[in-house]
């Protein structure tokens, strides 16, 4: 036993000590927790004198705190675990970054998984004419890339450093994961094979992996831009809300 402050504790009773010091624990980027992390959350949530507030977006789970096999691992499992240990869920579905058409497109990536539709807080009527003349989600054919890039100067987003090195050379480019948390005026995405299939109408193509990472990386890349998100794509697009750009 050890006496600290006004209470006497059994050795190892860390949660009781936390209750003595704090009223609230805030945990950010909670979507990156996995496995044993949730055992700690369960202990915290059982403390009667301690409020626990967690903030995160499960659509942006790219990294993990550990390479663990213990559940929960997937988005669905994590949300269910929070509910099982008594957390009340509140959705913050408003975007102050992207125009409405980008929000509407990105919502399609996790369609059917229970996430509320995103509402854009960007007032397009107040945007300057130089920006407002090109808003939304576009497919850019490879033959039109130079003209598109010279006109709009988008930041290029790619899966890895090895992707399309000739196109990326000398231009601002970021890997999907590295771009997480960043904001750009305009982006041009170099889509992977599954992402191309998604844009061609195969909504399940990006969800074929054993984890949510591919789906979430696509979502992160698609939501970095304020005004326009482009995809370098020669194939015919079959997703509503994506326009083929013509010079």
Protein backbone atom coordinates (compact mmCIF):
# COMPACT_ATOMS: atom_id res chain seq x y z
CA UNK A 1 0.00 0.00 0.00
CA UNK A 2 1.10 3.58 -0.61
CA UNK A 3 -0.45 6.85 0.57
CA UNK A 4 -0.55 9.66 -2.00
CA UNK A 5 -2.41 12.87 -1.33
CA UNK A 6 -5.69 12.24 0.47
CA UNK A 7 -6.04 8.59 -0.44
CA UNK A 8 -4.29 5.32 0.24
CA UNK A 9 -3.75 3.10 -2.79
CA UNK A 10 -2.82 -0.46 -3.46
CA UNK A 11 0.44 -0.63 -5.38
CA UNK A 12 -0.36 -0.56 -9.09
CA UNK A 13 -3.78 1.12 -8.86
CA UNK A 14 -3.01 3.63 -11.58
CA UNK A 15 -6.63 4.35 -12.40
CA UNK A 16 -7.37 5.44 -8.83
CA UNK A 17 -4.38 7.76 -8.95
CA UNK A 18 -5.66 9.24 -12.22
CA UNK A 19 -9.05 9.90 -10.62
CA UNK A 20 -7.28 11.76 -7.81
CA UNK A 21 -5.40 14.02 -10.23
CA UNK A 22 -7.75 14.54 -13.18
CA UNK A 23 -11.42 15.09 -13.87
CA UNK A 24 -11.25 14.42 -17.63
CA UNK A 25 -8.97 12.50 -20.00
CA UNK A 26 -8.96 13.56 -23.65
CA UNK A 27 -7.62 11.17 -26.30
CA UNK A 28 -7.14 12.45 -29.85
CA UNK A 29 -6.63 10.41 -33.07
CA UNK A 30 -8.42 7.55 -31.35
CA UNK A 31 -8.93 5.78 -34.67
CA UNK A 32 -5.26 4.72 -34.55
CA UNK A 33 -5.68 2.73 -31.33
CA UNK A 34 -5.77 -1.04 -31.66
CA UNK A 35 -5.88 -4.23 -29.61
CA UNK A 36 -4.59 -3.79 -26.08
CA UNK A 37 -5.10 -0.01 -26.20
CA UNK A 38 -8.80 -0.68 -25.81
CA UNK A 39 -8.18 -2.60 -22.59
CA UNK A 40 -6.87 0.66 -21.12
CA UNK A 41 -9.89 2.54 -22.45
CA UNK A 42 -12.13 0.03 -20.73
CA UNK A 43 -10.33 0.59 -17.42
CA UNK A 44 -10.57 4.36 -17.80
CA UNK A 45 -14.26 4.20 -18.65
CA UNK A 46 -14.94 2.17 -15.49
CA UNK A 47 -13.69 5.03 -13.27
CA UNK A 48 -16.71 6.70 -11.69
CA UNK A 49 -14.90 10.00 -11.05
CA UNK A 50 -13.19 10.27 -14.42
CA UNK A 51 -14.72 11.38 -17.72
CA UNK A 52 -13.08 10.09 -20.90
CA UNK A 53 -13.56 11.95 -24.19
CA UNK A 54 -12.17 10.42 -27.38
CA UNK A 55 -11.92 12.20 -30.72
CA UNK A 56 -11.12 10.67 -34.09
CA UNK A 57 -12.26 9.83 -37.60
CA UNK A 58 -12.36 6.10 -38.27
CA UNK A 59 -12.35 6.79 -42.01
CA UNK A 60 -8.77 8.04 -41.61
CA UNK A 61 -7.23 5.00 -39.91
CA UNK A 62 -3.94 4.54 -41.72
CA UNK A 63 -1.44 4.07 -38.92
CA UNK A 64 -1.70 1.91 -35.79
CA UNK A 65 -0.08 2.13 -32.38
CA UNK A 66 1.07 -1.49 -32.73
CA UNK A 67 1.15 -4.34 -35.23
CA UNK A 68 -1.24 -6.37 -33.12
CA UNK A 69 -3.53 -9.27 -33.97
CA UNK A 70 -5.81 -8.62 -31.01
CA UNK A 71 -9.22 -7.19 -31.80
CA UNK A 72 -10.64 -4.63 -32.28
CA UNK A 73 -8.76 -3.93 -35.53
CA UNK A 74 -11.27 -2.79 -38.13
CA UNK A 75 -13.35 0.40 -38.14
CA UNK A 76 -16.54 -1.54 -37.45
CA UNK A 77 -14.97 -3.48 -34.57
CA UNK A 78 -13.60 -0.33 -32.95
CA UNK A 79 -16.90 1.55 -33.07
CA UNK A 80 -18.71 -1.49 -31.65
CA UNK A 81 -16.16 -1.78 -28.81
CA UNK A 82 -16.67 1.85 -27.80
CA UNK A 83 -20.40 1.28 -27.68
CA UNK A 84 -20.00 -1.94 -25.68
CA UNK A 85 -17.99 -0.21 -22.91
CA UNK A 86 -20.53 2.59 -22.57
CA UNK A 87 -19.26 5.45 -24.73
CA UNK A 88 -21.93 7.75 -26.16
CA UNK A 89 -21.27 8.55 -29.82
CA UNK A 90 -21.63 12.07 -31.24
CA UNK A 91 -20.91 12.71 -34.91
CA UNK A 92 -19.25 15.89 -36.16
CA UNK A 93 -19.99 15.68 -39.86
CA UNK A 94 -19.28 19.23 -41.03
CA UNK A 95 -16.26 20.05 -43.19
CA UNK A 96 -14.71 23.51 -43.14
CA UNK A 97 -12.09 22.44 -45.68
CA UNK A 98 -13.74 21.11 -48.84
CA UNK A 99 -16.49 22.29 -51.16
CA UNK A 100 -19.69 20.24 -51.22
CA UNK A 101 -18.88 18.20 -54.34
CA UNK A 102 -15.66 16.88 -52.80
CA UNK A 103 -17.51 15.95 -49.60
CA UNK A 104 -20.22 14.15 -51.59
CA UNK A 105 -17.66 12.16 -53.58
CA UNK A 106 -15.59 11.17 -50.54
CA UNK A 107 -18.70 9.94 -48.72
CA UNK A 108 -19.09 7.29 -51.43
CA UNK A 109 -15.81 5.66 -50.39
CA UNK A 110 -17.25 4.35 -47.09
CA UNK A 111 -20.82 4.04 -48.31
CA UNK A 112 -22.93 1.60 -46.31
CA UNK A 113 -20.70 1.59 -43.22
CA UNK A 114 -22.90 3.88 -41.14
CA UNK A 115 -20.98 7.14 -41.38
CA UNK A 116 -23.22 10.24 -41.60
CA UNK A 117 -23.14 12.32 -44.78
CA UNK A 118 -20.59 15.14 -44.70
CA UNK A 119 -21.92 18.69 -44.90
CA UNK A 120 -19.64 21.37 -46.35
CA UNK A 121 -19.43 24.69 -44.50
CA UNK A 122 -17.66 26.33 -47.45
CA UNK A 123 -19.81 29.11 -48.95
CA UNK A 124 -18.99 28.81 -52.65
CA UNK A 125 -20.75 32.10 -53.37
CA UNK A 126 -18.01 33.94 -51.50
CA UNK A 127 -15.10 32.33 -53.33
CA UNK A 128 -13.13 34.52 -55.74
CA UNK A 129 -13.88 34.01 -59.43
CA UNK A 130 -10.37 32.72 -60.08
CA UNK A 131 -11.11 29.80 -57.74
CA UNK A 132 -14.83 29.30 -58.35
CA UNK A 133 -14.41 28.59 -62.07
CA UNK A 134 -13.00 25.12 -61.26
CA UNK A 135 -14.66 23.36 -58.31
CA UNK A 136 -15.33 19.68 -57.77
CA UNK A 137 -13.95 16.25 -58.68
CA UNK A 138 -12.40 15.61 -62.09
CA UNK A 139 -10.82 12.88 -64.18
CA UNK A 140 -7.79 14.15 -66.10
CA UNK A 141 -6.56 12.16 -69.07
CA UNK A 142 -2.82 11.59 -69.29
CA UNK A 143 -2.65 13.47 -72.60
CA UNK A 144 -4.15 16.52 -70.85
CA UNK A 145 -1.95 16.37 -67.75
CA UNK A 146 0.51 19.11 -68.72
CA UNK A 147 -2.28 21.54 -69.65
CA UNK A 148 -4.16 20.77 -66.43
CA UNK A 149 -1.09 21.12 -64.26
CA UNK A 150 0.00 24.40 -65.85
CA UNK A 151 -3.47 25.87 -65.40
CA UNK A 152 -4.28 24.77 -61.82
CA UNK A 153 -0.96 23.77 -60.21
CA UNK A 154 -2.43 20.97 -58.08
CA UNK A 155 -0.44 19.17 -55.40
CA UNK A 156 0.16 15.60 -56.54
CA UNK A 157 -0.83 12.76 -54.20
CA UNK A 158 0.44 9.22 -54.75
CA UNK A 159 0.53 5.87 -53.00
CA UNK A 160 4.32 5.73 -52.75
CA UNK A 161 7.47 7.57 -53.74
CA UNK A 162 8.01 5.14 -56.62
CA UNK A 163 4.71 5.98 -58.33
CA UNK A 164 4.86 7.97 -61.58
CA UNK A 165 8.30 9.46 -60.86
CA UNK A 166 8.46 11.28 -64.18
CA UNK A 167 5.23 13.12 -63.43
CA UNK A 168 6.18 13.90 -59.83
CA UNK A 169 9.74 15.03 -60.52
CA UNK A 170 10.17 18.73 -59.78
CA UNK A 171 6.57 19.10 -58.59
CA UNK A 172 5.05 19.18 -55.11
CA UNK A 173 4.02 15.60 -54.33
CA UNK A 174 3.10 13.70 -51.17
CA UNK A 175 2.34 10.07 -50.39
CA UNK A 176 -1.25 9.43 -49.30
CA UNK A 177 -0.24 8.72 -45.69
CA UNK A 178 2.06 11.73 -45.47
CA UNK A 179 -0.75 14.02 -46.64
CA UNK A 180 -2.95 13.10 -43.67
CA UNK A 181 -3.86 16.26 -41.77
CA UNK A 182 -2.71 18.53 -44.61
CA UNK A 183 -4.83 20.93 -46.67
CA UNK A 184 -4.18 22.02 -50.26
CA UNK A 185 -6.04 24.27 -52.63
CA UNK A 186 -6.15 21.66 -55.38
CA UNK A 187 -4.90 18.08 -55.65
CA UNK A 188 -4.27 15.59 -58.44
CA UNK A 189 -4.32 11.96 -57.31
CA UNK A 190 -2.36 9.22 -59.08
CA UNK A 191 -4.85 6.39 -58.46
CA UNK A 192 -3.89 2.79 -57.74
CA UNK A 193 -5.44 -0.10 -59.68
CA UNK A 194 -8.25 -0.64 -57.14
CA UNK A 195 -8.93 3.10 -57.01
CA UNK A 196 -9.24 3.19 -60.80
CA UNK A 197 -11.69 0.28 -60.61
CA UNK A 198 -13.71 2.20 -58.00
CA UNK A 199 -13.87 5.22 -60.31
CA UNK A 200 -15.06 2.91 -63.08
CA UNK A 201 -18.01 1.82 -60.98
CA UNK A 202 -16.70 -1.13 -58.94
CA UNK A 203 -17.52 0.19 -55.46
CA UNK A 204 -16.07 -2.89 -53.72
CA UNK A 205 -12.66 -2.77 -55.45
CA UNK A 206 -10.84 -0.83 -52.73
CA UNK A 207 -12.34 -2.90 -49.92
CA UNK A 208 -10.86 -6.21 -51.09
CA UNK A 209 -7.88 -6.14 -48.71
CA UNK A 210 -7.60 -7.78 -45.30
CA UNK A 211 -7.62 -4.39 -43.50
CA UNK A 212 -9.31 -1.00 -43.92
CA UNK A 213 -6.04 0.72 -44.81
CA UNK A 214 -6.54 0.91 -48.60
CA UNK A 215 -10.06 2.33 -48.24
CA UNK A 216 -8.96 4.84 -45.63
CA UNK A 217 -5.90 5.98 -47.60
CA UNK A 218 -8.18 6.65 -50.58
CA UNK A 219 -10.49 8.68 -48.35
CA UNK A 220 -7.61 10.69 -46.88
CA UNK A 221 -6.24 11.52 -50.34
CA UNK A 222 -9.68 12.46 -51.66
CA UNK A 223 -10.37 14.95 -48.86
CA UNK A 224 -7.16 17.01 -48.81
CA UNK A 225 -8.29 19.68 -51.30
CA UNK A 226 -10.34 22.79 -50.71
CA UNK A 227 -11.54 23.41 -54.25
CA UNK A 228 -10.78 20.56 -56.66
CA UNK A 229 -9.71 16.92 -56.52
CA UNK A 230 -8.43 15.42 -59.74
CA UNK A 231 -7.59 11.85 -60.76
CA UNK A 232 -5.08 11.07 -63.52
CA UNK A 233 -7.18 8.55 -65.39
CA UNK A 234 -7.59 7.53 -69.03
CA UNK A 235 -10.36 5.02 -68.33
CA UNK A 236 -14.03 5.95 -68.57
CA UNK A 237 -15.44 7.20 -65.25
CA UNK A 238 -18.72 5.73 -63.96
CA UNK A 239 -19.04 7.40 -60.54
CA UNK A 240 -21.57 10.19 -60.15
CA UNK A 241 -20.03 13.55 -59.39
CA UNK A 242 -16.77 13.00 -61.32
CA UNK A 243 -16.38 15.08 -64.50
CA UNK A 244 -13.82 14.42 -67.23
CA UNK A 245 -11.81 17.61 -67.67
CA UNK A 246 -11.40 19.06 -71.14
CA UNK A 247 -8.74 21.71 -71.90
